[in-house]
């Protein structure tokens, strides 16, 4: 979100045409990729109880690096040239019938960050030689943007491979017709060859989570239309928030009318908020900075729910702010990362403690959880990264060793419950641990990357120099 052929050997990543900047230098020191990690770090207990054993960052980073290689090898053996691996049947899955190389594009920068140079070279060569977007396929604009466009752009910035930027430009051009609505907000689907659009009933996440990728594409190609279209869409959505400043779940991009008015930080909305903050950081655009500050204040006023069991963000009515449900889940666990990035470490820590409790209660975080009743409501776990992502940001910004202990718990649980002989499998049910025949591309792009970064040297990624898109593709600030 990936036939076999003989591939020529590429030069090492550090020898490519465009030099990699210092923010990734540590990751590319392949002779000793974990140099500088430091020794074992003492860890305070994540949520009370006995003091856990010290966390050896070097050993755990090496362990996660091995699991990245294991997941990639499973894909390469059984799904090469296709979108995703089905790890139980050892077969491949293509999103639209005709492969778009989801896993190679999505996973490329993770392979680079983890120092898996041979695997990264092979993936990049195959992308260069085989990926084409001249296909009669109606694709979901949001998913294609965050996974493929984001992956191509980060791959280009890391390697200097001009073919990756050319592919990104071609893809961006083919996605532009989606913005041809009366409001300027994009349709959900567009045909890559014909430009035909469909599905006007969209949502804040799919409308608002395009700015980092289209904006970066604009800066790298000099084509302002990409930045302007994505920004106009985000502003059009923002202008339609309620009188108290909240957005709902579903909006029609032709009429601008809201269809579903539940407001929260979960599915259909989540990354809209993430991109308000991140667009301001990546582009230095004061419009986004102001939109984020106002939106965060509204979230904290109406959606935050202080309970005896901790801080949560629930479900309210977008017009009144009245509480409707004590519902959360794995997707909502992204918010502590965003808050930590934005400087509110107090709320980030308290909310993350609640989310980590979700993981420990169920033994992996479920897609649905009622925090009022303390029970699982949707038991699936499709290898999501969000709680791990938040742990990474909090460890970086607080240097509190308790987040290393959390990371070790994630590694142990993922290996125990999701690892297979040929990759990793999603879970149908976190309570029974029944596996599903799916390894989404974001498992390599996000889950394993953030897990590795919890333990890797801090200098592996310079959070002042890059901004991760919502698929964990690092986009570097190369403009003023």
Protein backbone atom coordinates (compact mmCIF):
# COMPACT_ATOMS: atom_id res chain seq x y z
CA UNK A 1 0.00 0.00 0.00
CA UNK A 2 3.79 -5.28 -3.65
CA UNK A 3 6.92 -11.13 -10.92
CA UNK A 4 10.19 -11.58 -9.92
CA UNK A 5 12.90 -10.38 -12.26
CA UNK A 6 16.64 -10.11 -12.23
CA UNK A 7 17.60 -6.65 -10.98
CA UNK A 8 20.88 -4.86 -11.48
CA UNK A 9 22.77 -3.88 -8.35
CA UNK A 10 22.56 -0.18 -7.48
CA UNK A 11 25.23 1.87 -5.77
CA UNK A 12 24.90 2.43 -2.05
CA UNK A 13 22.37 5.06 -1.02
CA UNK A 14 25.13 7.29 0.25
CA UNK A 15 26.59 7.45 -3.28
CA UNK A 16 23.50 8.68 -5.08
CA UNK A 17 23.40 11.92 -7.05
CA UNK A 18 21.79 14.10 -4.41
CA UNK A 19 23.52 13.83 -1.03
CA UNK A 20 21.43 12.80 1.93
CA UNK A 21 21.34 15.46 4.61
CA UNK A 22 22.53 15.01 8.17
CA UNK A 23 19.06 14.27 9.47
CA UNK A 24 19.41 10.73 8.17
CA UNK A 25 23.16 10.28 8.42
CA UNK A 26 23.01 7.95 11.40
CA UNK A 27 20.53 5.65 9.70
CA UNK A 28 22.81 5.28 6.70
CA UNK A 29 25.94 4.37 8.68
CA UNK A 30 25.47 0.80 7.57
CA UNK A 31 28.66 -0.58 8.99
CA UNK A 32 27.27 0.16 12.44
CA UNK A 33 23.70 1.38 11.92
CA UNK A 34 22.99 1.67 15.60
CA UNK A 35 26.11 3.57 16.60
CA UNK A 36 25.34 6.29 19.09
CA UNK A 37 22.30 4.61 20.58
CA UNK A 38 23.95 4.51 23.95
CA UNK A 39 23.79 1.65 26.36
CA UNK A 40 20.94 0.25 28.35
CA UNK A 41 18.59 2.84 29.79
CA UNK A 42 16.80 2.42 33.08
CA UNK A 43 13.04 2.57 32.68
CA UNK A 44 10.34 3.66 35.09
CA UNK A 45 7.12 1.64 35.04
CA UNK A 46 4.64 2.71 32.35
CA UNK A 47 1.62 2.70 34.63
CA UNK A 48 2.64 1.85 38.13
CA UNK A 49 3.64 -1.51 39.52
CA UNK A 50 7.03 -3.13 39.69
CA UNK A 51 10.03 -1.48 38.10
CA UNK A 52 10.65 -3.09 34.67
CA UNK A 53 14.02 -4.34 33.61
CA UNK A 54 16.38 -1.87 31.96
CA UNK A 55 15.77 -1.29 28.26
CA UNK A 56 18.71 -1.95 25.94
CA UNK A 57 18.10 0.46 23.06
CA UNK A 58 20.86 -0.96 20.89
CA UNK A 59 19.55 -4.51 21.14
CA UNK A 60 15.93 -3.50 20.62
CA UNK A 61 16.73 -1.31 17.61
CA UNK A 62 18.61 -4.25 16.10
CA UNK A 63 15.69 -6.54 16.88
CA UNK A 64 13.18 -4.25 15.18
CA UNK A 65 15.50 -3.85 12.21
CA UNK A 66 15.44 -7.63 11.90
CA UNK A 67 11.64 -7.63 11.98
CA UNK A 68 11.55 -5.02 9.21
CA UNK A 69 13.74 -7.33 7.14
CA UNK A 70 11.47 -10.27 7.99
CA UNK A 71 8.30 -8.45 6.92
CA UNK A 72 9.95 -7.22 3.72
CA UNK A 73 11.33 -10.68 2.90
CA UNK A 74 7.85 -12.15 3.22
CA UNK A 75 6.55 -9.63 0.74
CA UNK A 76 9.49 -10.16 -1.63
CA UNK A 77 9.08 -13.96 -1.60
CA UNK A 78 5.34 -14.16 -2.09
CA UNK A 79 4.00 -10.86 -3.42
CA UNK A 80 6.80 -9.22 -5.42
CA UNK A 81 5.47 -6.80 -8.03
CA UNK A 82 2.07 -6.62 -6.33
CA UNK A 83 0.56 -4.22 -3.84
CA UNK A 84 0.49 -6.19 -0.61
CA UNK A 85 1.30 -9.53 0.97
CA UNK A 86 -1.33 -11.94 2.24
CA UNK A 87 0.87 -13.64 4.84
CA UNK A 88 -1.31 -16.61 5.77
CA UNK A 89 -2.06 -17.83 2.25
CA UNK A 90 1.36 -16.62 1.04
CA UNK A 91 -0.22 -14.87 -1.91
CA UNK A 92 -0.59 -11.28 -3.12
CA UNK A 93 -3.34 -8.66 -3.04
CA UNK A 94 -3.72 -5.78 -5.50
CA UNK A 95 -5.98 -2.92 -4.49
CA UNK A 96 -7.45 -2.26 -7.93
CA UNK A 97 -6.62 -5.45 -9.79
CA UNK A 98 -3.66 -3.87 -11.59
CA UNK A 99 -0.76 -3.38 -9.14
CA UNK A 100 0.53 0.06 -8.17
CA UNK A 101 3.44 -1.26 -6.07
CA UNK A 102 1.97 -0.07 -2.78
CA UNK A 103 4.36 -1.94 -0.50
CA UNK A 104 7.62 -1.07 -2.37
CA UNK A 105 6.72 2.63 -2.58
CA UNK A 106 5.29 2.80 0.94
CA UNK A 107 8.14 0.81 2.45
CA UNK A 108 11.10 2.34 0.60
CA UNK A 109 11.99 5.02 3.13
CA UNK A 110 11.62 2.59 6.03
CA UNK A 111 14.20 0.32 4.40
CA UNK A 112 16.50 3.34 4.00
CA UNK A 113 16.01 4.60 7.55
CA UNK A 114 16.69 1.12 8.94
CA UNK A 115 19.85 0.77 6.87
CA UNK A 116 18.58 -2.13 4.75
CA UNK A 117 20.42 -0.89 1.67
CA UNK A 118 20.23 -3.97 -0.56
CA UNK A 119 16.48 -4.24 -0.03
CA UNK A 120 16.01 -0.51 -0.62
CA UNK A 121 18.07 -0.60 -3.83
CA UNK A 122 16.06 -3.51 -5.19
CA UNK A 123 12.76 -1.82 -4.34
CA UNK A 124 13.84 1.47 -5.90
CA UNK A 125 15.05 -0.17 -9.09
CA UNK A 126 11.78 -2.04 -9.49
CA UNK A 127 9.77 1.14 -8.93
CA UNK A 128 11.89 3.02 -11.49
CA UNK A 129 11.51 0.32 -14.10
CA UNK A 130 7.96 -0.94 -13.58
CA UNK A 131 5.69 1.63 -11.92
CA UNK A 132 3.26 3.42 -14.25
CA UNK A 133 0.17 5.45 -13.49
CA UNK A 134 -1.14 5.39 -17.07
CA UNK A 135 -3.88 2.98 -16.08
CA UNK A 136 -7.65 2.96 -16.43
CA UNK A 137 -8.20 2.73 -12.69
CA UNK A 138 -10.50 4.71 -10.42
CA UNK A 139 -8.42 5.22 -7.28
CA UNK A 140 -9.06 6.69 -3.84
CA UNK A 141 -7.37 10.09 -3.86
CA UNK A 142 -6.56 10.14 -0.13
CA UNK A 143 -4.94 6.70 0.07
CA UNK A 144 -3.00 7.11 -3.17
CA UNK A 145 -1.77 10.51 -2.01
CA UNK A 146 -0.52 9.54 1.44
CA UNK A 147 0.97 6.20 0.41
CA UNK A 148 2.23 6.58 -3.15
CA UNK A 149 2.70 10.31 -3.64
CA UNK A 150 4.14 10.66 -0.14
CA UNK A 151 6.39 7.63 -0.61
CA UNK A 152 7.72 8.81 -3.98
CA UNK A 153 8.48 12.28 -2.63
CA UNK A 154 10.31 11.04 0.45
CA UNK A 155 12.14 8.49 -1.67
CA UNK A 156 13.29 11.25 -4.00
CA UNK A 157 14.46 13.47 -1.14
CA UNK A 158 16.40 10.58 0.41
CA UNK A 159 18.05 9.27 -2.76
CA UNK A 160 18.06 12.04 -5.36
CA UNK A 161 16.56 9.59 -7.86
CA UNK A 162 14.94 11.88 -10.45
CA UNK A 163 12.72 9.08 -11.71
CA UNK A 164 10.89 9.07 -8.37
CA UNK A 165 10.14 12.79 -8.64
CA UNK A 166 8.99 12.35 -12.24
CA UNK A 167 6.62 9.59 -11.12
CA UNK A 168 5.34 11.81 -8.32
CA UNK A 169 4.72 14.68 -10.75
CA UNK A 170 2.88 12.38 -13.15
CA UNK A 171 0.74 11.01 -10.33
CA UNK A 172 -0.02 14.48 -8.96
CA UNK A 173 -1.12 15.66 -12.41
CA UNK A 174 -3.45 12.67 -12.76
CA UNK A 175 -5.02 13.38 -9.34
CA UNK A 176 -5.71 17.07 -10.01
CA UNK A 177 -9.12 16.53 -11.70
CA UNK A 178 -10.44 15.35 -8.33
CA UNK A 179 -10.44 19.00 -7.18
CA UNK A 180 -12.88 20.05 -9.92
CA UNK A 181 -15.93 20.44 -7.69
CA UNK A 182 -18.04 23.54 -7.05
CA UNK A 183 -16.46 23.94 -3.62
CA UNK A 184 -12.89 23.07 -4.59
CA UNK A 185 -12.94 20.14 -2.19
CA UNK A 186 -11.87 16.91 -3.93
CA UNK A 187 -14.04 13.98 -4.90
CA UNK A 188 -13.03 10.76 -3.21
CA UNK A 189 -12.16 8.86 -6.42
CA UNK A 190 -10.58 9.82 -9.73
CA UNK A 191 -9.64 7.77 -12.78
CA UNK A 192 -5.90 7.92 -13.37
CA UNK A 193 -6.25 7.84 -17.16
CA UNK A 194 -9.51 9.66 -17.90
CA UNK A 195 -9.78 12.05 -14.95
CA UNK A 196 -13.37 10.92 -14.38
CA UNK A 197 -14.48 11.75 -10.83
CA UNK A 198 -16.92 10.00 -8.49
CA UNK A 199 -18.21 9.91 -4.92
CA UNK A 200 -18.89 13.50 -3.79
CA UNK A 201 -19.69 12.43 -0.21
CA UNK A 202 -16.31 12.80 1.43
CA UNK A 203 -14.93 13.58 4.88
CA UNK A 204 -12.47 15.93 6.59
CA UNK A 205 -9.68 13.36 6.69
CA UNK A 206 -9.77 12.68 2.96
CA UNK A 207 -10.20 16.35 2.04
CA UNK A 208 -7.71 17.76 4.52
CA UNK A 209 -4.90 15.21 4.32
CA UNK A 210 -3.42 16.19 0.96
CA UNK A 211 -1.56 19.40 1.81
CA UNK A 212 1.83 17.99 2.81
CA UNK A 213 2.17 15.87 -0.30
CA UNK A 214 0.75 18.30 -2.87
CA UNK A 215 2.59 21.19 -1.22
CA UNK A 216 5.90 19.34 -1.29
CA UNK A 217 5.32 18.37 -4.92
CA UNK A 218 4.72 22.03 -5.73
CA UNK A 219 7.93 23.12 -4.01
CA UNK A 220 10.05 20.44 -5.69
CA UNK A 221 8.64 20.92 -9.22
CA UNK A 222 7.91 24.66 -9.16
CA UNK A 223 4.28 23.98 -10.11
CA UNK A 224 2.21 26.14 -7.78
CA UNK A 225 -1.06 24.54 -8.86
CA UNK A 226 -0.43 21.60 -6.55
CA UNK A 227 -0.04 23.79 -3.47
CA UNK A 228 -2.91 26.09 -4.44
CA UNK A 229 -5.45 23.33 -5.09
CA UNK A 230 -4.71 21.47 -1.85
CA UNK A 231 -4.76 24.65 0.22
CA UNK A 232 -8.00 25.86 -1.35
CA UNK A 233 -9.63 22.52 -0.51
CA UNK A 234 -8.48 22.66 3.09
CA UNK A 235 -9.63 26.27 3.47
CA UNK A 236 -13.02 25.41 1.95
CA UNK A 237 -13.46 22.65 4.50
CA UNK A 238 -12.31 24.85 7.38
CA UNK A 239 -14.76 27.56 6.33
CA UNK A 240 -17.62 25.09 6.75
CA UNK A 241 -16.93 24.19 10.37
CA UNK A 242 -19.77 24.80 12.80
CA UNK A 243 -20.38 27.99 14.78
CA UNK A 244 -18.44 26.50 17.69
CA UNK A 245 -15.58 25.49 15.37
CA UNK A 246 -16.03 21.73 14.94
CA UNK A 247 -16.26 19.61 11.80
CA UNK A 248 -18.43 16.57 11.22
CA UNK A 249 -17.87 13.17 9.64
CA UNK A 250 -19.31 13.43 6.12
CA UNK A 251 -19.63 16.43 3.80
CA UNK A 252 -20.77 16.71 0.18
CA UNK A 253 -18.06 18.36 -1.93
CA UNK A 254 -20.55 19.59 -4.53
CA UNK A 255 -22.92 21.39 -2.17
CA UNK A 256 -20.73 21.87 0.90
CA UNK A 257 -23.54 20.48 3.08
CA UNK A 258 -22.80 18.29 6.08
CA UNK A 259 -24.36 14.82 5.93
CA UNK A 260 -23.15 13.37 9.24
CA UNK A 261 -22.48 15.70 12.15
CA UNK A 262 -20.71 13.55 14.75
CA UNK A 263 -17.43 15.21 15.70
CA UNK A 264 -14.38 13.45 17.15
CA UNK A 265 -10.73 12.69 16.36
CA UNK A 266 -11.21 9.23 14.84
CA UNK A 267 -11.96 7.76 11.42
CA UNK A 268 -13.15 10.28 8.79
CA UNK A 269 -11.65 13.22 10.73
CA UNK A 270 -8.34 12.31 12.43
CA UNK A 271 -5.59 13.44 10.04
CA UNK A 272 -7.43 16.67 9.14
CA UNK A 273 -6.27 18.01 12.50
CA UNK A 274 -2.81 16.49 12.10
CA UNK A 275 -2.26 18.31 8.79
CA UNK A 276 -3.36 21.71 10.09
CA UNK A 277 -0.40 21.58 12.47
CA UNK A 278 2.05 19.87 10.13
CA UNK A 279 1.34 22.08 7.11
CA UNK A 280 2.20 25.10 9.21
CA UNK A 281 5.45 23.47 10.34
CA UNK A 282 6.51 22.21 6.90
CA UNK A 283 5.71 25.30 4.86
CA UNK A 284 5.80 28.08 7.46
CA UNK A 285 2.34 29.14 6.24
CA UNK A 286 0.69 31.35 8.89
CA UNK A 287 -2.79 30.45 7.63
CA UNK A 288 -2.34 26.84 8.72
CA UNK A 289 -0.74 27.87 12.00
CA UNK A 290 -3.80 29.99 12.87
CA UNK A 291 -6.21 27.24 11.81
CA UNK A 292 -4.41 24.71 14.01
CA UNK A 293 -4.39 26.92 17.10
CA UNK A 294 -8.11 27.65 16.84
CA UNK A 295 -8.99 24.02 16.11
CA UNK A 296 -6.96 22.68 19.02
CA UNK A 297 -8.64 25.07 21.44
CA UNK A 298 -12.05 23.87 20.25
CA UNK A 299 -11.06 20.21 20.56
CA UNK A 300 -9.83 20.74 24.10
CA UNK A 301 -13.00 22.61 25.05
CA UNK A 302 -15.66 20.34 23.56
CA UNK A 303 -14.20 16.92 22.63
CA UNK A 304 -11.80 16.29 25.51
CA UNK A 305 -13.34 14.15 28.24
CA UNK A 306 -11.73 14.12 31.68
CA UNK A 307 -12.81 10.93 33.42
CA UNK A 308 -11.79 9.09 36.60
CA UNK A 309 -10.02 6.67 34.28
CA UNK A 310 -7.97 9.34 32.54
CA UNK A 311 -8.12 11.83 29.67
CA UNK A 312 -9.94 10.78 26.49
CA UNK A 313 -11.33 12.46 23.38
CA UNK A 314 -14.84 11.21 22.68
CA UNK A 315 -17.72 11.92 20.30
CA UNK A 316 -19.81 15.10 20.38
CA UNK A 317 -22.31 16.92 18.18
CA UNK A 318 -20.49 19.36 15.90
CA UNK A 319 -23.14 22.07 16.32
CA UNK A 320 -23.60 22.00 20.08
CA UNK A 321 -20.59 20.16 21.52
CA UNK A 322 -22.95 17.87 23.42
CA UNK A 323 -21.38 14.50 24.27
CA UNK A 324 -22.80 11.62 22.22
CA UNK A 325 -20.53 8.65 22.95
CA UNK A 326 -17.49 7.53 24.93
CA UNK A 327 -16.00 5.90 21.83
CA UNK A 328 -12.37 5.74 20.81
CA UNK A 329 -9.95 3.21 19.32
CA UNK A 330 -6.67 2.61 17.57
CA UNK A 331 -6.94 5.45 15.06
CA UNK A 332 -7.59 8.06 17.74
CA UNK A 333 -4.27 7.17 19.37
CA UNK A 334 -2.49 9.47 16.88
CA UNK A 335 -3.50 12.59 18.82
CA UNK A 336 -0.79 12.48 21.53
CA UNK A 337 1.83 12.52 18.75
CA UNK A 338 0.25 15.60 17.21
CA UNK A 339 -0.06 17.33 20.57
CA UNK A 340 3.54 16.51 21.46
CA UNK A 341 4.69 17.91 18.13
CA UNK A 342 2.64 21.03 18.83
CA UNK A 343 4.16 21.50 22.29
CA UNK A 344 1.30 20.41 24.60
CA UNK A 345 3.20 17.68 26.39
CA UNK A 346 0.88 17.60 29.39
CA UNK A 347 -2.19 16.61 27.41
CA UNK A 348 -0.13 14.39 25.14
CA UNK A 349 1.22 12.39 28.07
CA UNK A 350 -2.12 12.02 29.85
CA UNK A 351 -4.01 10.99 26.73
CA UNK A 352 -1.26 8.59 25.73
CA UNK A 353 -1.41 6.93 29.14
CA UNK A 354 -5.10 6.26 28.48
CA UNK A 355 -4.36 4.85 25.03
CA UNK A 356 -1.54 2.65 26.30
CA UNK A 357 -4.01 1.29 28.83
CA UNK A 358 -6.19 0.30 25.89
CA UNK A 359 -3.29 -1.70 24.49
CA UNK A 360 -2.45 -3.45 27.77
CA UNK A 361 -6.08 -4.26 28.54
CA UNK A 362 -6.75 -5.89 25.18
CA UNK A 363 -3.21 -7.04 24.42
CA UNK A 364 -2.90 -4.90 21.24
CA UNK A 365 -5.06 -1.87 20.56
CA UNK A 366 -8.54 -2.58 19.12
CA UNK A 367 -10.19 -0.55 16.39
CA UNK A 368 -13.07 0.28 18.71
CA UNK A 369 -13.13 0.83 22.48
CA UNK A 370 -15.77 2.29 24.81
CA UNK A 371 -13.77 4.09 27.48
CA UNK A 372 -16.90 4.73 29.52
CA UNK A 373 -17.60 1.01 29.81
CA UNK A 374 -13.96 -0.07 29.52
CA UNK A 375 -14.79 -2.65 26.86
CA UNK A 376 -13.77 -3.52 23.32
CA UNK A 377 -16.41 -2.64 20.73
CA UNK A 378 -14.54 -3.40 17.48
CA UNK A 379 -11.91 -6.11 18.12
CA UNK A 380 -9.87 -5.96 14.90
CA UNK A 381 -6.24 -4.81 14.82
CA UNK A 382 -4.93 -4.28 11.27
CA UNK A 383 -1.34 -3.68 12.44
CA UNK A 384 -2.04 0.02 13.10
CA UNK A 385 0.82 2.38 14.06
CA UNK A 386 -0.84 5.24 15.93
CA UNK A 387 -0.15 4.33 19.56
CA UNK A 388 3.44 3.43 18.60
CA UNK A 389 3.79 6.72 16.72
CA UNK A 390 2.73 8.66 19.81
CA UNK A 391 5.19 6.73 21.94
CA UNK A 392 8.00 7.75 19.58
CA UNK A 393 7.16 11.45 19.75
CA UNK A 394 6.81 11.41 23.52
CA UNK A 395 10.10 9.59 23.98
CA UNK A 396 11.83 12.13 21.72
CA UNK A 397 10.35 15.21 23.35
CA UNK A 398 10.40 14.11 27.00
CA UNK A 399 13.39 11.71 27.08
CA UNK A 400 11.38 9.78 29.65
CA UNK A 401 12.61 6.14 29.65
CA UNK A 402 9.10 4.86 30.42
CA UNK A 403 8.38 5.20 26.70
CA UNK A 404 11.23 2.81 25.94
CA UNK A 405 9.49 0.28 28.18
CA UNK A 406 6.26 0.84 26.27
CA UNK A 407 8.13 0.29 23.01
CA UNK A 408 9.52 -3.00 24.28
CA UNK A 409 5.96 -4.09 25.11
CA UNK A 410 4.87 -3.30 21.56
CA UNK A 411 7.72 -5.34 20.10
CA UNK A 412 6.99 -8.33 22.32
CA UNK A 413 3.25 -8.29 21.61
CA UNK A 414 3.59 -7.84 17.86
CA UNK A 415 6.07 -10.71 17.62
CA UNK A 416 3.99 -12.93 19.90
CA UNK A 417 0.60 -12.39 18.29
CA UNK A 418 1.12 -11.12 14.73
CA UNK A 419 4.37 -12.58 13.39
CA UNK A 420 4.13 -15.39 10.85
CA UNK A 421 6.73 -17.45 9.02
CA UNK A 422 6.39 -15.07 6.08
CA UNK A 423 5.70 -11.61 7.44
CA UNK A 424 3.12 -10.23 9.84
CA UNK A 425 -0.64 -10.71 9.95
CA UNK A 426 -3.40 -8.39 11.06
CA UNK A 427 -5.71 -9.64 13.79
CA UNK A 428 -9.41 -10.22 13.35
CA UNK A 429 -9.81 -10.11 17.12
CA UNK A 430 -7.40 -8.75 19.73
CA UNK A 431 -9.09 -10.79 22.45
CA UNK A 432 -8.91 -14.18 20.73
CA UNK A 433 -5.79 -13.26 18.69
CA UNK A 434 -7.27 -14.80 15.53
CA UNK A 435 -5.18 -13.70 12.56
CA UNK A 436 -6.35 -12.16 9.29
CA UNK A 437 -4.70 -12.75 5.91
CA UNK A 438 -3.44 -9.20 5.46
CA UNK A 439 -0.22 -7.23 5.88
CA UNK A 440 -1.10 -3.63 4.91
CA UNK A 441 1.64 -1.55 3.33
CA UNK A 442 1.42 0.91 6.23
CA UNK A 443 2.81 -1.77 8.53
CA UNK A 444 6.20 -1.26 6.87
CA UNK A 445 5.71 2.44 6.19
CA UNK A 446 4.54 3.43 9.67
CA UNK A 447 4.28 0.77 12.36
CA UNK A 448 7.74 -0.73 12.00
CA UNK A 449 9.39 2.62 11.20
CA UNK A 450 8.07 4.29 14.35
CA UNK A 451 8.87 1.19 16.37
CA UNK A 452 12.46 1.27 15.12
CA UNK A 453 12.76 5.00 15.81
CA UNK A 454 11.71 4.57 19.44
CA UNK A 455 15.05 2.83 20.03
CA UNK A 456 17.29 4.21 17.26
CA UNK A 457 19.65 7.14 17.87
CA UNK A 458 17.80 10.43 18.21
CA UNK A 459 19.88 11.89 15.38
CA UNK A 460 18.47 9.31 12.97
CA UNK A 461 15.64 11.76 12.30
CA UNK A 462 15.87 15.50 12.89
CA UNK A 463 12.33 16.53 13.77
CA UNK A 464 13.25 20.16 13.20
CA UNK A 465 14.27 19.41 9.61
CA UNK A 466 11.50 17.06 8.51
CA UNK A 467 7.77 16.54 8.92
CA UNK A 468 6.27 13.07 8.70
CA UNK A 469 3.16 12.80 6.57
CA UNK A 470 0.32 10.74 8.00
CA UNK A 471 1.85 7.62 6.40
CA UNK A 472 5.17 8.33 8.19
CA UNK A 473 6.96 9.46 5.03
CA UNK A 474 9.60 12.03 6.08
CA UNK A 475 9.30 15.21 4.01
CA UNK A 476 12.28 17.51 4.33
CA UNK A 477 12.07 21.28 4.57
CA UNK A 478 14.09 22.42 1.57
CA UNK A 479 12.46 25.80 1.00
CA UNK A 480 11.71 29.00 2.91
